N, C-alpha and C. Protein backbone atom coordinates (compact mmCIF):
# COMPACT_ATOMS: atom_id res chain seq x y z
N MET A 1 -9.71 9.94 1.47
CA MET A 1 -10.70 10.08 0.04
C MET A 1 -12.23 10.32 2.18
N LEU A 2 -13.14 11.24 1.69
CA LEU A 2 -14.28 11.63 2.36
C LEU A 2 -15.87 12.01 1.74
N LEU A 3 -16.29 10.82 1.81
CA LEU A 3 -17.31 10.13 1.82
C LEU A 3 -18.65 10.62 2.13
N GLN A 4 -19.67 11.12 1.62
CA GLN A 4 -20.65 11.73 2.92
C GLN A 4 -21.34 10.62 3.01
N ASN A 5 -22.23 10.06 4.33
CA ASN A 5 -22.70 9.59 5.00
C ASN A 5 -24.35 9.23 4.58
N PRO A 6 -24.57 7.71 3.32
CA PRO A 6 -25.89 7.60 2.79
C PRO A 6 -27.17 8.29 2.72
N GLY A 7 -27.01 7.39 4.75
CA GLY A 7 -28.35 7.95 5.33
C GLY A 7 -28.12 9.50 6.24
N SER A 8 -27.53 10.29 6.09
CA SER A 8 -26.23 11.34 6.41
C SER A 8 -27.13 12.71 5.72
N HIS A 9 -27.76 13.90 5.41
CA HIS A 9 -27.72 15.09 4.85
C HIS A 9 -26.51 15.79 5.15
N ASP A 10 -26.12 15.52 6.36
CA ASP A 10 -25.29 16.83 7.01
C ASP A 10 -23.98 16.49 6.37
N PRO A 11 -23.36 16.98 5.41
CA PRO A 11 -21.90 17.09 4.62
C PRO A 11 -20.53 16.42 5.70
N LYS A 12 -20.64 17.10 7.76
CA LYS A 12 -20.03 17.14 8.40
C LYS A 12 -20.04 15.44 8.67
N GLU A 13 -21.10 14.85 8.40
CA GLU A 13 -20.94 13.95 9.06
C GLU A 13 -20.38 12.59 8.08
N GLY A 14 -19.48 12.12 7.88
CA GLY A 14 -18.61 11.23 6.84
C GLY A 14 -18.29 9.87 7.11
N ILE A 15 -17.38 8.95 5.93
CA ILE A 15 -16.61 7.87 6.24
C ILE A 15 -16.22 7.69 5.82
N HIS A 16 -14.58 7.53 6.48
CA HIS A 16 -13.25 8.22 6.31
C HIS A 16 -12.66 6.07 4.94
N VAL A 17 -12.73 6.99 3.54
CA VAL A 17 -12.45 5.86 2.94
C VAL A 17 -11.17 5.19 2.05
N SER A 18 -11.01 4.25 1.76
CA SER A 18 -8.87 5.16 0.79
C SER A 18 -9.59 4.60 -0.44
N ALA A 19 -8.82 5.55 -1.39
CA ALA A 19 -9.13 4.98 -2.72
C ALA A 19 -9.21 3.56 -3.04
N SER A 20 -8.29 3.11 -2.51
CA SER A 20 -8.17 1.45 -3.39
C SER A 20 -8.19 0.16 -2.82
N ARG A 21 -8.84 -0.82 -3.20
CA ARG A 21 -7.49 -1.75 -2.26
C ARG A 21 -6.24 -1.83 -1.96
N HIS A 22 -5.84 -1.77 -2.88
CA HIS A 22 -4.76 -1.53 -2.91
C HIS A 22 -3.62 -0.60 -2.09
N ARG A 23 -3.92 0.82 -1.68
CA ARG A 23 -3.90 1.40 -1.00
C ARG A 23 -4.54 1.39 0.54
N THR A 24 -4.98 0.09 0.64
CA THR A 24 -5.91 -0.48 1.90
C THR A 24 -4.81 -2.18 2.39
N SER A 25 -4.24 -2.38 1.60
CA SER A 25 -3.68 -3.38 1.68
C SER A 25 -1.97 -2.72 2.40
N ASN A 26 -2.08 -1.80 1.47
CA ASN A 26 0.08 -1.15 1.95
C ASN A 26 -0.58 -0.25 3.10
N GLU A 27 -1.80 0.36 3.92
CA GLU A 27 -2.66 0.64 4.82
C GLU A 27 -1.91 -0.58 5.67
N SER A 28 -2.55 -1.78 6.00
CA SER A 28 -1.97 -2.47 6.62
C SER A 28 -0.99 -3.17 6.61
N VAL A 29 -0.38 -3.08 5.46
CA VAL A 29 1.06 -4.18 6.29
C VAL A 29 1.96 -3.47 6.85
N ILE A 30 1.75 -1.32 6.53
CA ILE A 30 2.38 -0.50 7.28
C ILE A 30 2.23 -0.63 8.42
N ARG A 31 0.99 -1.05 9.18
CA ARG A 31 0.37 -0.86 10.56
C ARG A 31 1.24 -2.06 10.77
N GLU A 32 0.79 -3.37 10.29
CA GLU A 32 1.71 -4.52 10.54
C GLU A 32 3.22 -4.24 11.76
N PHE A 33 3.33 -3.87 10.59
CA PHE A 33 5.52 -3.25 10.27
C PHE A 33 5.31 -2.46 11.75
N VAL A 34 4.34 -1.52 12.25
CA VAL A 34 4.81 0.21 13.43
C VAL A 34 5.21 -0.63 14.65
N GLU A 35 3.83 -1.72 14.19
CA GLU A 35 3.47 -2.76 15.90
C GLU A 35 3.94 -3.16 15.47
N ASN A 36 4.71 -4.26 14.94
CA ASN A 36 5.29 -5.36 15.15
C ASN A 36 6.80 -4.67 15.40
N TRP A 37 7.52 -3.39 15.06
CA TRP A 37 8.77 -2.49 15.38
C TRP A 37 8.52 -1.74 17.14
N ALA A 38 6.76 -1.55 17.20
CA ALA A 38 6.60 -1.03 19.20
C ALA A 38 7.01 -2.06 19.75
N ARG A 39 6.08 -3.61 19.55
CA ARG A 39 6.63 -4.99 20.31
C ARG A 39 8.13 -5.02 20.31
N ALA A 40 8.56 -4.71 19.52
CA ALA A 40 10.60 -4.62 19.33
C ALA A 40 11.17 -3.85 20.72
N VAL A 41 10.63 -2.49 20.40
CA VAL A 41 11.19 -1.62 21.11
C VAL A 41 10.88 -2.86 22.80
N ARG A 42 9.45 -2.80 23.21
CA ARG A 42 9.26 -3.46 24.15
C ARG A 42 10.04 -4.49 24.49
N ALA A 43 10.34 -5.80 23.81
CA ALA A 43 10.75 -6.69 23.82
C ALA A 43 12.25 -6.64 24.08
N LYS A 44 13.25 -5.05 23.88
CA LYS A 44 14.81 -4.97 23.31
C LYS A 44 15.44 -5.61 22.41
N ASP A 45 14.66 -5.96 21.74
CA ASP A 45 14.61 -6.47 20.43
C ASP A 45 15.02 -5.79 19.31
N LEU A 46 16.77 -5.98 18.82
CA LEU A 46 17.16 -4.58 18.20
C LEU A 46 17.14 -5.49 17.17
N ASN A 47 17.10 -6.57 16.86
CA ASN A 47 17.07 -6.89 15.31
C ASN A 47 15.49 -6.80 14.54
N GLY A 48 14.16 -6.96 15.36
CA GLY A 48 13.05 -6.87 14.92
C GLY A 48 12.62 -5.19 15.01
N ILE A 49 13.93 -4.13 16.03
CA ILE A 49 13.66 -2.69 15.24
C ILE A 49 14.05 -2.21 14.63
N LEU A 50 15.70 -2.78 14.38
CA LEU A 50 16.43 -2.30 12.58
C LEU A 50 15.67 -2.94 11.26
N ALA A 51 14.93 -3.76 11.59
CA ALA A 51 13.92 -4.63 10.04
C ALA A 51 13.08 -3.14 9.49
N ASN A 52 13.89 -4.29 8.29
CA ASN A 52 12.72 -3.02 7.45
C ASN A 52 13.38 -1.14 7.21
N HIS A 53 14.75 -1.12 7.77
CA HIS A 53 14.80 -0.36 7.84
C HIS A 53 15.80 0.19 6.77
N SER A 54 16.06 1.31 6.25
CA SER A 54 17.03 1.38 4.59
C SER A 54 18.63 1.26 5.43
N PRO A 55 19.85 1.24 4.62
CA PRO A 55 21.11 0.87 4.87
C PRO A 55 21.82 2.88 5.43
N ASP A 56 20.91 3.46 4.37
CA ASP A 56 20.95 5.19 4.64
C ASP A 56 19.96 5.72 5.14
N MET A 57 19.27 5.37 5.87
CA MET A 57 17.83 5.76 6.48
C MET A 57 18.33 7.32 8.15
N LEU A 58 17.44 7.84 7.96
CA LEU A 58 17.89 9.42 8.64
C LEU A 58 17.02 9.92 9.39
N MET A 59 17.17 9.91 10.99
CA MET A 59 15.98 9.76 11.66
C MET A 59 16.76 11.04 12.63
N PHE A 60 15.73 11.94 13.37
CA PHE A 60 15.65 13.17 13.97
C PHE A 60 15.14 12.00 15.63
N ASP A 61 15.69 12.12 16.77
CA ASP A 61 14.93 12.09 17.75
C ASP A 61 15.23 13.38 18.98
N VAL A 62 14.35 12.99 20.16
CA VAL A 62 14.14 13.74 20.64
C VAL A 62 15.82 14.05 20.86
N PRO A 63 16.68 13.36 22.30
CA PRO A 63 17.30 13.68 22.99
C PRO A 63 18.49 13.42 21.32
N PRO A 64 19.78 14.18 21.93
CA PRO A 64 20.99 14.32 21.04
C PRO A 64 21.12 13.00 20.42
N PRO A 65 22.63 13.00 19.40
CA PRO A 65 22.79 14.18 18.15
C PRO A 65 20.98 14.33 17.65
N LEU A 66 21.47 15.39 16.77
CA LEU A 66 20.07 15.95 16.02
C LEU A 66 20.10 15.19 14.74
N GLN A 67 20.73 15.12 14.54
CA GLN A 67 20.41 14.26 13.77
C GLN A 67 21.44 12.78 13.51
N SER A 68 20.41 10.97 13.23
CA SER A 68 22.26 10.26 12.93
C SER A 68 21.45 9.63 11.31
N LYS A 69 22.10 10.09 10.70
CA LYS A 69 22.10 9.23 9.14
C LYS A 69 23.07 7.85 9.21
N GLY A 70 22.48 7.20 8.23
CA GLY A 70 22.48 5.61 8.36
C GLY A 70 22.22 4.53 9.25
N ILE A 71 22.18 3.68 9.44
CA ILE A 71 21.66 2.55 10.25
C ILE A 71 21.91 2.37 11.15
N GLU A 72 23.85 2.30 11.33
CA GLU A 72 24.87 1.61 11.86
C GLU A 72 24.07 2.91 13.70
N ALA A 73 24.25 4.02 12.68
CA ALA A 73 24.28 6.00 13.55
C ALA A 73 22.66 5.29 15.33
N TYR A 74 21.13 4.86 13.53
CA TYR A 74 20.17 4.50 14.16
C TYR A 74 20.22 3.49 14.95
N LYS A 75 20.81 2.74 14.88
CA LYS A 75 21.44 1.15 15.92
C LYS A 75 21.92 2.13 17.01
N LYS A 76 22.91 3.12 16.72
CA LYS A 76 23.30 3.64 18.88
C LYS A 76 22.74 4.68 19.49
N THR A 77 21.33 4.30 18.55
CA THR A 77 20.17 5.27 19.20
C THR A 77 19.69 4.16 20.11
N TRP A 78 19.46 3.04 19.99
CA TRP A 78 18.64 2.70 21.06
C TRP A 78 19.27 2.45 22.76
N ASP A 79 21.18 2.81 23.03
CA ASP A 79 21.48 1.84 23.45
C ASP A 79 20.99 3.46 24.60
N LEU A 80 20.61 4.70 24.16
CA LEU A 80 20.69 5.84 24.76
C LEU A 80 19.35 5.73 25.29
N PHE A 81 17.85 4.76 24.83
CA PHE A 81 16.76 4.78 24.62
C PHE A 81 16.52 4.37 26.05
N PHE A 82 17.20 2.06 25.41
CA PHE A 82 17.09 1.46 26.53
C PHE A 82 17.87 1.41 28.08
N SER A 83 19.40 2.77 28.00
CA SER A 83 19.27 3.51 29.91
C SER A 83 18.20 3.92 30.26
N TRP A 84 17.44 4.28 29.28
CA TRP A 84 16.83 5.02 29.82
C TRP A 84 14.81 5.03 30.28
N SER A 85 14.87 3.99 29.45
CA SER A 85 13.66 2.79 29.37
C SER A 85 13.89 1.79 30.46
N GLN A 86 15.32 2.23 30.76
CA GLN A 86 15.49 0.15 31.89
C GLN A 86 14.71 -0.28 31.92
N ASP A 87 13.75 -1.04 32.18
CA ASP A 87 12.60 -2.71 32.16
C ASP A 87 11.41 -1.79 32.57
N SER A 88 11.11 -0.75 31.53
CA SER A 88 9.88 -0.58 32.51
C SER A 88 9.14 -1.17 31.23
N GLY A 89 9.29 -1.39 29.79
CA GLY A 89 8.50 -2.17 28.90
C GLY A 89 7.11 -1.21 28.14
N VAL A 90 7.29 0.09 28.69
CA VAL A 90 6.26 0.61 27.32
C VAL A 90 6.77 1.27 26.66
N PHE A 91 6.02 1.09 25.59
CA PHE A 91 6.53 1.80 24.05
C PHE A 91 5.18 1.63 23.19
N ASP A 92 4.22 2.49 23.35
CA ASP A 92 2.64 2.64 23.35
C ASP A 92 2.47 3.48 21.95
N ILE A 93 1.72 2.55 21.63
CA ILE A 93 0.85 3.50 20.01
C ILE A 93 -0.43 3.83 20.41
N SER A 94 -0.82 4.84 20.56
CA SER A 94 -1.95 6.03 21.13
C SER A 94 -2.76 5.91 20.21
N GLU A 95 -2.35 6.90 18.46
CA GLU A 95 -3.37 6.80 17.91
C GLU A 95 -2.03 7.09 16.42
N MET A 96 -2.55 6.20 15.04
CA MET A 96 -1.69 6.00 14.29
C MET A 96 -2.91 6.64 13.11
N ARG A 97 -2.23 7.58 12.48
CA ARG A 97 -2.55 7.63 10.69
C ARG A 97 -1.76 7.11 10.01
N ILE A 98 -1.85 6.62 9.27
CA ILE A 98 -1.14 5.61 7.64
C ILE A 98 -1.80 6.59 6.07
N THR A 99 -0.59 7.95 5.44
CA THR A 99 -1.76 8.04 4.41
C THR A 99 0.08 7.08 3.37
N ALA A 100 -0.39 6.42 2.91
CA ALA A 100 0.04 5.41 2.09
C ALA A 100 -0.54 5.48 -0.47
N GLY A 101 0.70 5.19 -0.68
CA GLY A 101 0.11 5.91 -2.70
C GLY A 101 0.89 4.31 -2.42
N ASN A 102 1.18 4.74 -3.77
CA ASN A 102 1.87 2.60 -4.24
C ASN A 102 2.89 2.49 -4.23
N ASP A 103 4.37 3.74 -3.75
CA ASP A 103 5.28 3.46 -3.63
C ASP A 103 5.57 4.06 -2.49
N VAL A 104 4.93 5.61 -2.37
CA VAL A 104 5.45 6.46 -1.17
C VAL A 104 4.64 6.34 -0.03
N ALA A 105 4.64 6.30 1.42
CA ALA A 105 3.77 6.50 2.45
C ALA A 105 4.55 7.13 3.74
N PHE A 106 3.15 7.63 4.69
CA PHE A 106 4.29 8.06 5.90
C PHE A 106 3.48 7.80 6.91
N VAL A 107 3.52 7.57 8.03
CA VAL A 107 2.67 7.73 9.03
C VAL A 107 2.84 8.51 9.81
N ALA A 108 2.33 9.03 10.58
CA ALA A 108 1.92 9.84 11.55
C ALA A 108 1.42 9.32 12.71
N ALA A 109 2.19 9.17 14.46
CA ALA A 109 2.00 8.34 15.63
C ALA A 109 2.30 9.09 16.91
N LEU A 110 0.74 9.13 17.40
CA LEU A 110 1.24 9.91 19.36
C LEU A 110 1.44 7.93 20.20
N MET A 111 2.75 8.42 20.59
CA MET A 111 3.00 7.63 21.06
C MET A 111 3.42 7.29 22.34
N ARG A 112 3.81 6.80 22.85
CA ARG A 112 3.70 6.93 24.60
C ARG A 112 4.55 5.85 25.29
N CYS A 113 5.69 6.22 26.05
CA CYS A 113 7.26 5.14 26.99
C CYS A 113 7.05 5.75 28.67
N ALA A 114 7.77 4.94 29.46
CA ALA A 114 7.72 5.68 30.33
C ALA A 114 9.67 5.21 30.06
N GLY A 115 10.05 6.06 31.62
CA GLY A 115 12.06 5.97 32.06
C GLY A 115 12.09 6.48 32.75
N THR A 116 13.55 6.74 33.38
CA THR A 116 14.03 6.99 34.53
C THR A 116 14.99 7.98 34.28
N GLU A 117 14.89 9.30 35.20
CA GLU A 117 15.66 10.63 34.61
C GLU A 117 17.23 9.90 36.07
N PRO A 118 18.03 11.14 34.84
CA PRO A 118 19.41 10.73 35.94
C PRO A 118 18.92 11.02 37.37
N ASN A 119 17.87 11.70 37.77
CA ASN A 119 18.18 12.10 38.62
C ASN A 119 16.96 11.10 39.50
N GLY A 120 16.88 9.64 38.76
CA GLY A 120 16.03 9.19 39.32
C GLY A 120 14.19 9.05 39.27
N HIS A 121 14.40 9.83 38.80
CA HIS A 121 12.66 10.29 38.98
C HIS A 121 11.98 9.45 37.50
N LYS A 122 11.20 8.80 38.01
CA LYS A 122 10.65 7.66 36.46
C LYS A 122 9.20 8.63 36.00
N ILE A 123 9.62 8.55 34.81
CA ILE A 123 8.61 9.59 33.93
C ILE A 123 7.37 9.37 33.32
N ASP A 124 6.62 9.36 32.64
CA ASP A 124 5.93 8.83 31.47
C ASP A 124 6.00 10.53 30.87
N LEU A 125 6.34 9.39 29.04
CA LEU A 125 6.69 10.64 28.48
C LEU A 125 5.37 10.72 27.25
N GLU A 126 5.06 11.27 26.89
CA GLU A 126 4.14 11.20 25.06
C GLU A 126 5.40 11.78 24.49
N PHE A 127 4.76 11.25 22.85
CA PHE A 127 5.85 11.99 21.67
C PHE A 127 4.90 11.53 20.81
N ARG A 128 5.54 12.16 20.03
CA ARG A 128 5.14 12.74 18.46
C ARG A 128 5.85 11.75 17.27
N LEU A 129 5.49 10.52 16.44
CA LEU A 129 6.49 9.50 15.62
C LEU A 129 5.96 10.02 14.25
N THR A 130 6.77 10.47 12.94
CA THR A 130 6.72 10.44 12.28
C THR A 130 7.77 9.43 11.55
N ILE A 131 7.09 8.77 10.59
CA ILE A 131 7.95 7.90 9.43
C ILE A 131 7.84 7.86 8.28
N GLY A 132 8.53 7.58 7.47
CA GLY A 132 8.51 7.84 6.25
C GLY A 132 8.84 6.39 5.50
N LEU A 133 8.42 5.61 4.06
CA LEU A 133 8.71 5.04 4.05
C LEU A 133 8.69 4.20 2.03
N HIS A 134 9.88 3.72 1.82
CA HIS A 134 9.37 3.94 0.60
C HIS A 134 9.42 2.09 0.15
N LYS A 135 8.50 2.34 -1.15
CA LYS A 135 8.30 0.60 -1.23
C LYS A 135 9.20 -0.26 -2.77
N ILE A 136 10.51 -0.86 -2.39
CA ILE A 136 11.01 -1.40 -2.98
C ILE A 136 10.81 -3.20 -3.28
N GLY A 137 10.23 -2.82 -4.93
CA GLY A 137 9.71 -4.78 -5.15
C GLY A 137 8.25 -4.46 -4.16
N ASP A 138 8.39 -5.36 -3.07
CA ASP A 138 7.28 -5.64 -2.61
C ASP A 138 6.88 -5.48 -0.52
N GLN A 139 8.55 -4.93 -0.36
CA GLN A 139 8.90 -4.71 0.90
C GLN A 139 8.87 -2.47 1.44
N TRP A 140 8.14 -2.70 2.29
CA TRP A 140 8.33 -1.40 3.04
C TRP A 140 9.36 -0.78 3.33
N ILE A 141 10.50 0.27 3.44
CA ILE A 141 11.43 -0.16 3.91
C ILE A 141 11.27 1.96 4.51
N VAL A 142 11.81 1.84 5.71
CA VAL A 142 11.61 2.96 6.77
C VAL A 142 13.07 4.00 6.30
N THR A 143 13.06 5.26 4.88
CA THR A 143 13.80 5.85 4.80
C THR A 143 14.15 6.55 6.24
N HIS A 144 12.52 7.21 6.57
CA HIS A 144 13.72 8.33 7.70
C HIS A 144 12.09 7.93 8.91
N GLU A 145 13.04 8.24 9.87
CA GLU A 145 12.33 8.48 10.80
C GLU A 145 11.99 9.59 12.25
N HIS A 146 11.05 10.25 12.49
CA HIS A 146 10.96 11.53 13.38
C HIS A 146 10.17 11.17 14.54
N HIS A 147 10.90 11.97 15.86
CA HIS A 147 10.09 11.47 16.99
C HIS A 147 10.39 12.88 17.92
N SER A 148 10.13 13.68 18.10
CA SER A 148 9.65 15.05 19.04
C SER A 148 8.80 14.75 19.48
N LEU A 149 8.65 16.28 20.84
CA LEU A 149 8.20 16.67 21.85
C LEU A 149 7.42 17.74 21.84
N PRO A 150 5.82 18.14 22.50
CA PRO A 150 6.15 19.17 21.80
C PRO A 150 6.84 20.41 23.17
N ALA A 151 6.90 21.33 22.66
CA ALA A 151 7.09 22.70 22.83
C ALA A 151 6.43 22.75 23.89
N ARG A 152 7.46 23.15 25.07
CA ARG A 152 6.89 23.09 26.72
C ARG A 152 6.58 24.96 26.39
N GLU A 153 5.20 24.85 27.62
CA GLU A 153 4.96 26.69 27.60
C GLU A 153 6.39 27.32 28.59
């Protein structure tokens, strides 16, 4: 929801506010979850990475396979990532936007990681992250995760 700044007469200048305190609370919980998830990736803490992920989640990732169905398939994708990233410790959130309702939410983020290509060349990689969540009881659960790169020119 975009509200006009009370001290401004220009409708382009606005203040972004959540529609309710409940939404703000959900957004805060989800932000903390995503930040903890990124911290777990940096620490190579597989239990922390898998926390709050649905057993039947679906992930679309940058490297093959095209899709990973279920938590076990998702878990296996991290072996490839950790072999690529080695000990870079880089897995950072550059920007994050959260849209949360009472029981469904999504996160859109710009991320940065670093790794080593098979030829030994070290690279920094900027990528996009989208996460779909469903609130079950009082807990937000990841049901979909999508990592992508912009198309190359």
